[in-house]
């Protein structure tokens, strides 16, 4: 006995419009509010360092070798266990071509 089944096709356009409506209905929030828990756990400068490093697609080891410091120090700075000093922030800023105040 043959059983015929219907293939239900989803209209992609209407689905995309619905998603857009949902996205624009929600209000945007400042990034510090969205990442409040991570800023408490790690430092804000550490999050900036990690974000810039991921954006540049570079590992902690590669960054450490380029700047002439140990990889362990980079890890501690990203996790908020070691403060990022002004001189180190300037070195990071030169490497990532950003303002040094992001890392402080």
N, C-alpha and C. Protein backbone atom coordinates (compact mmCIF):
# COMPACT_ATOMS: atom_id res chain seq x y z
N UNK A 1 0.84 -1.15 0.00
CA UNK A 1 0.00 0.00 0.00
C UNK A 1 0.90 1.24 0.00
N UNK A 2 0.64 2.12 -0.92
CA UNK A 2 1.40 3.35 -1.03
C UNK A 2 0.76 4.43 -0.18
N UNK A 3 1.63 5.13 0.52
CA UNK A 3 1.16 6.25 1.32
C UNK A 3 1.84 7.49 0.78
N UNK A 4 1.06 8.42 0.41
CA UNK A 4 1.62 9.65 -0.11
C UNK A 4 1.75 10.66 1.02
N UNK A 5 2.92 11.23 1.10
CA UNK A 5 3.13 12.26 2.11
C UNK A 5 3.33 13.59 1.41
N UNK A 6 2.97 14.59 2.06
CA UNK A 6 3.11 15.92 1.51
C UNK A 6 4.39 16.55 2.01
N UNK A 7 5.10 17.15 1.13
CA UNK A 7 6.31 17.87 1.52
C UNK A 7 5.90 19.30 1.78
N UNK A 8 6.13 19.71 3.00
CA UNK A 8 5.76 21.07 3.38
C UNK A 8 6.95 21.98 3.17
N UNK A 9 6.78 22.95 2.34
CA UNK A 9 7.86 23.89 2.07
C UNK A 9 7.66 25.14 2.92
N UNK A 10 8.76 25.59 3.50
CA UNK A 10 8.72 26.77 4.34
C UNK A 10 9.06 27.98 3.49
N UNK A 11 8.25 28.98 3.62
CA UNK A 11 8.53 30.21 2.89
C UNK A 11 9.62 30.96 3.63
N UNK A 12 10.76 31.08 3.02
CA UNK A 12 11.91 31.70 3.66
C UNK A 12 11.71 33.20 3.86
N UNK A 13 11.09 33.83 2.89
CA UNK A 13 10.93 35.28 2.98
C UNK A 13 10.09 35.68 4.17
N UNK A 14 8.98 34.98 4.39
CA UNK A 14 8.12 35.35 5.51
C UNK A 14 8.80 35.06 6.83
N UNK A 15 9.61 34.02 6.89
CA UNK A 15 10.33 33.67 8.11
C UNK A 15 11.38 34.74 8.43
N UNK A 16 12.07 35.22 7.42
CA UNK A 16 13.08 36.25 7.61
C UNK A 16 12.42 37.55 8.08
N UNK A 17 11.28 37.89 7.48
CA UNK A 17 10.57 39.10 7.89
C UNK A 17 10.14 39.02 9.34
N UNK A 18 9.71 37.84 9.77
CA UNK A 18 9.27 37.66 11.15
C UNK A 18 10.46 37.83 12.10
N UNK A 19 11.60 37.28 11.75
CA UNK A 19 12.80 37.41 12.58
C UNK A 19 13.22 38.87 12.66
N UNK A 20 13.18 39.57 11.54
CA UNK A 20 13.54 40.99 11.54
C UNK A 20 12.62 41.80 12.44
N UNK A 21 11.32 41.50 12.38
CA UNK A 21 10.37 42.22 13.22
C UNK A 21 10.69 42.00 14.69
N UNK A 22 11.03 40.78 15.05
CA UNK A 22 11.36 40.47 16.44
C UNK A 22 12.63 41.20 16.85
N UNK A 23 13.63 41.22 15.98
CA UNK A 23 14.91 41.84 16.30
C UNK A 23 14.75 43.34 16.52
N UNK A 24 13.99 44.01 15.66
CA UNK A 24 13.87 45.45 15.76
C UNK A 24 12.89 45.88 16.85
N UNK A 25 12.07 44.97 17.31
CA UNK A 25 11.16 45.28 18.39
C UNK A 25 11.91 45.43 19.70
N UNK A 26 12.96 44.62 19.87
CA UNK A 26 13.74 44.66 21.09
C UNK A 26 14.64 45.89 21.08
N UNK A 27 14.80 46.49 22.24
CA UNK A 27 15.65 47.65 22.36
C UNK A 27 17.09 47.20 22.52
N UNK A 28 18.00 47.99 22.00
CA UNK A 28 19.40 47.65 22.15
C UNK A 28 19.87 48.08 23.54
N UNK A 29 20.88 47.38 24.01
CA UNK A 29 21.45 47.67 25.32
C UNK A 29 22.93 47.97 25.18
N UNK A 30 23.48 48.81 26.04
CA UNK A 30 24.91 49.06 25.98
C UNK A 30 25.69 47.78 26.24
N UNK A 31 26.88 47.69 25.64
CA UNK A 31 27.64 46.44 25.75
C UNK A 31 28.07 46.18 27.19
N UNK A 32 28.31 47.22 27.97
CA UNK A 32 28.72 47.02 29.36
C UNK A 32 27.60 46.39 30.18
N UNK A 33 26.38 46.70 29.84
CA UNK A 33 25.23 46.08 30.50
C UNK A 33 25.10 44.62 30.09
N UNK A 34 25.29 44.36 28.82
CA UNK A 34 25.16 42.99 28.32
C UNK A 34 26.25 42.07 28.87
N UNK A 35 27.44 42.62 29.09
CA UNK A 35 28.56 41.81 29.56
C UNK A 35 28.91 42.08 31.02
N UNK A 36 27.93 42.50 31.80
CA UNK A 36 28.16 42.86 33.20
C UNK A 36 28.81 41.73 33.99
N UNK A 37 28.31 40.50 33.83
CA UNK A 37 28.85 39.36 34.57
C UNK A 37 30.30 39.06 34.18
N UNK A 38 30.60 39.14 32.89
CA UNK A 38 31.97 38.89 32.45
C UNK A 38 32.92 39.98 32.93
N UNK A 39 32.44 41.22 32.98
CA UNK A 39 33.29 42.30 33.46
C UNK A 39 33.59 42.11 34.95
N UNK A 40 32.60 41.60 35.71
CA UNK A 40 32.85 41.32 37.13
C UNK A 40 33.87 40.20 37.30
N UNK A 41 33.72 39.16 36.48
CA UNK A 41 34.62 38.00 36.59
C UNK A 41 36.02 38.34 36.08
N UNK A 42 36.08 38.97 34.92
CA UNK A 42 37.35 39.38 34.31
C UNK A 42 37.36 40.91 34.34
N UNK A 43 38.45 41.50 34.00
CA UNK A 43 38.48 42.97 33.94
C UNK A 43 38.01 43.43 32.56
N UNK A 44 37.60 44.69 32.48
CA UNK A 44 37.17 45.24 31.20
C UNK A 44 38.33 45.29 30.21
N UNK A 45 39.51 45.65 30.71
CA UNK A 45 40.71 45.66 29.85
C UNK A 45 41.06 44.27 29.35
N UNK A 46 40.86 43.27 30.20
CA UNK A 46 41.12 41.89 29.80
C UNK A 46 40.18 41.43 28.71
N UNK A 47 38.91 41.84 28.81
CA UNK A 47 37.95 41.49 27.76
C UNK A 47 38.31 42.17 26.45
N UNK A 48 38.79 43.41 26.53
CA UNK A 48 39.21 44.12 25.32
C UNK A 48 40.42 43.44 24.69
N UNK A 49 41.34 43.01 25.54
CA UNK A 49 42.53 42.32 25.04
C UNK A 49 42.15 41.02 24.35
N UNK A 50 41.29 40.24 24.98
CA UNK A 50 40.86 38.97 24.40
C UNK A 50 40.09 39.20 23.10
N UNK A 51 39.22 40.20 23.09
CA UNK A 51 38.44 40.49 21.88
C UNK A 51 39.32 40.92 20.72
N UNK A 52 40.29 41.79 20.99
CA UNK A 52 41.20 42.22 19.94
C UNK A 52 42.06 41.07 19.44
N UNK A 53 42.45 40.20 20.36
CA UNK A 53 43.28 39.06 19.97
C UNK A 53 42.49 38.10 19.08
N UNK A 54 41.24 37.84 19.44
CA UNK A 54 40.40 36.97 18.61
C UNK A 54 40.12 37.61 17.25
N UNK A 55 39.91 38.92 17.25
CA UNK A 55 39.65 39.63 16.00
C UNK A 55 40.84 39.54 15.06
N UNK A 56 42.05 39.62 15.64
CA UNK A 56 43.27 39.52 14.84
C UNK A 56 43.65 38.07 14.53
N UNK A 57 42.89 37.13 15.08
CA UNK A 57 43.14 35.69 14.89
C UNK A 57 44.58 35.32 15.26
N UNK A 58 44.96 35.69 16.47
CA UNK A 58 46.30 35.42 16.96
C UNK A 58 46.19 34.73 18.32
N UNK A 59 47.09 33.81 18.60
CA UNK A 59 47.06 33.09 19.86
C UNK A 59 47.79 33.89 20.93
N UNK A 60 47.60 33.47 22.17
CA UNK A 60 48.30 34.13 23.27
C UNK A 60 49.81 33.96 23.11
N UNK A 61 50.22 32.78 22.69
CA UNK A 61 51.65 32.51 22.53
C UNK A 61 52.27 33.41 21.46
N UNK A 62 51.57 33.55 20.33
CA UNK A 62 52.09 34.40 19.25
C UNK A 62 52.17 35.86 19.70
N UNK A 63 51.16 36.33 20.42
CA UNK A 63 51.16 37.71 20.92
C UNK A 63 52.30 37.91 21.91
N UNK A 64 52.49 36.93 22.79
CA UNK A 64 53.54 37.03 23.80
C UNK A 64 54.93 37.07 23.15
N UNK A 65 55.14 36.24 22.15
CA UNK A 65 56.44 36.22 21.46
C UNK A 65 56.69 37.55 20.74
N UNK A 66 55.66 38.11 20.16
CA UNK A 66 55.80 39.38 19.43
C UNK A 66 56.15 40.52 20.39
N UNK A 67 55.50 40.53 21.57
CA UNK A 67 55.72 41.62 22.52
C UNK A 67 56.88 41.36 23.47
N UNK A 68 57.39 40.14 23.48
CA UNK A 68 58.54 39.83 24.33
C UNK A 68 58.18 39.60 25.79
N UNK A 69 56.97 39.08 26.06
CA UNK A 69 56.58 38.74 27.42
C UNK A 69 56.13 37.28 27.43
N UNK A 70 55.86 36.73 28.62
CA UNK A 70 55.46 35.33 28.67
C UNK A 70 53.97 35.18 28.38
N UNK A 71 53.61 34.02 27.89
CA UNK A 71 52.23 33.72 27.55
C UNK A 71 51.38 33.69 28.82
N UNK A 72 51.98 33.28 29.92
CA UNK A 72 51.28 33.21 31.19
C UNK A 72 50.79 34.60 31.62
N UNK A 73 51.58 35.62 31.37
CA UNK A 73 51.19 37.00 31.71
C UNK A 73 49.99 37.45 30.88
N UNK A 74 49.98 37.10 29.61
CA UNK A 74 48.83 37.44 28.74
C UNK A 74 47.56 36.79 29.28
N UNK A 75 47.67 35.51 29.65
CA UNK A 75 46.53 34.79 30.19
C UNK A 75 46.02 35.44 31.47
N UNK A 76 46.93 35.82 32.36
CA UNK A 76 46.53 36.46 33.61
C UNK A 76 45.87 37.82 33.35
N UNK A 77 46.36 38.56 32.37
CA UNK A 77 45.76 39.86 32.05
C UNK A 77 44.35 39.68 31.50
N UNK A 78 44.16 38.69 30.65
CA UNK A 78 42.83 38.44 30.08
C UNK A 78 41.84 38.00 31.14
N UNK A 79 42.31 37.26 32.14
CA UNK A 79 41.42 36.76 33.19
C UNK A 79 41.28 37.69 34.37
N UNK A 80 41.91 38.86 34.32
CA UNK A 80 41.76 39.84 35.37
C UNK A 80 42.59 39.57 36.61
N UNK A 81 43.55 38.67 36.53
CA UNK A 81 44.40 38.35 37.68
C UNK A 81 45.64 39.23 37.73
N UNK A 82 45.96 39.88 36.64
CA UNK A 82 47.12 40.77 36.56
C UNK A 82 46.65 42.06 35.90
N UNK A 83 46.95 43.21 36.50
CA UNK A 83 46.53 44.47 35.88
C UNK A 83 47.36 44.77 34.63
N UNK A 84 46.73 45.45 33.71
CA UNK A 84 47.42 45.88 32.49
C UNK A 84 47.90 47.30 32.76
N UNK A 85 49.19 47.48 32.85
CA UNK A 85 49.75 48.80 33.11
C UNK A 85 49.69 49.69 31.88
N UNK A 86 50.01 50.96 32.10
CA UNK A 86 49.93 51.93 31.01
C UNK A 86 50.92 51.60 29.89
N UNK A 87 52.14 51.22 30.24
CA UNK A 87 53.14 50.88 29.22
C UNK A 87 52.73 49.64 28.42
N UNK A 88 52.21 48.63 29.13
CA UNK A 88 51.77 47.42 28.44
C UNK A 88 50.56 47.73 27.56
N UNK A 89 49.66 48.58 28.03
CA UNK A 89 48.49 48.97 27.24
C UNK A 89 48.93 49.68 25.96
N UNK A 90 49.97 50.49 26.06
CA UNK A 90 50.49 51.17 24.87
C UNK A 90 51.11 50.18 23.89
N UNK A 91 51.76 49.14 24.41
CA UNK A 91 52.33 48.11 23.53
C UNK A 91 51.22 47.33 22.82
N UNK A 92 50.16 47.01 23.57
CA UNK A 92 49.01 46.33 22.96
C UNK A 92 48.37 47.22 21.90
N UNK A 93 48.23 48.49 22.21
CA UNK A 93 47.61 49.43 21.27
C UNK A 93 48.42 49.57 19.99
N UNK A 94 49.73 49.60 20.11
CA UNK A 94 50.58 49.65 18.92
C UNK A 94 50.42 48.40 18.08
N UNK A 95 50.33 47.26 18.75
CA UNK A 95 50.20 46.00 18.03
C UNK A 95 48.85 45.89 17.32
N UNK A 96 47.77 46.24 18.03
CA UNK A 96 46.42 46.10 17.48
C UNK A 96 45.95 47.35 16.74
N UNK A 97 46.77 48.42 16.74
CA UNK A 97 46.43 49.67 16.07
C UNK A 97 45.12 50.27 16.60
N UNK A 98 45.05 50.38 17.93
CA UNK A 98 43.90 50.98 18.59
C UNK A 98 44.40 51.98 19.63
N UNK A 99 43.48 52.56 20.36
CA UNK A 99 43.83 53.49 21.42
C UNK A 99 44.20 52.70 22.68
N UNK A 100 45.23 53.12 23.37
CA UNK A 100 45.72 52.38 24.53
C UNK A 100 44.73 52.40 25.70
N UNK A 101 43.84 53.39 25.73
CA UNK A 101 42.90 53.50 26.84
C UNK A 101 41.85 52.39 26.86
N UNK A 102 41.71 51.66 25.75
CA UNK A 102 40.79 50.52 25.74
C UNK A 102 41.20 49.45 26.73
N UNK A 103 42.50 49.31 26.94
CA UNK A 103 43.02 48.22 27.76
C UNK A 103 43.16 48.57 29.23
N UNK A 104 42.91 49.82 29.59
CA UNK A 104 43.05 50.23 30.99
C UNK A 104 41.76 50.09 31.75
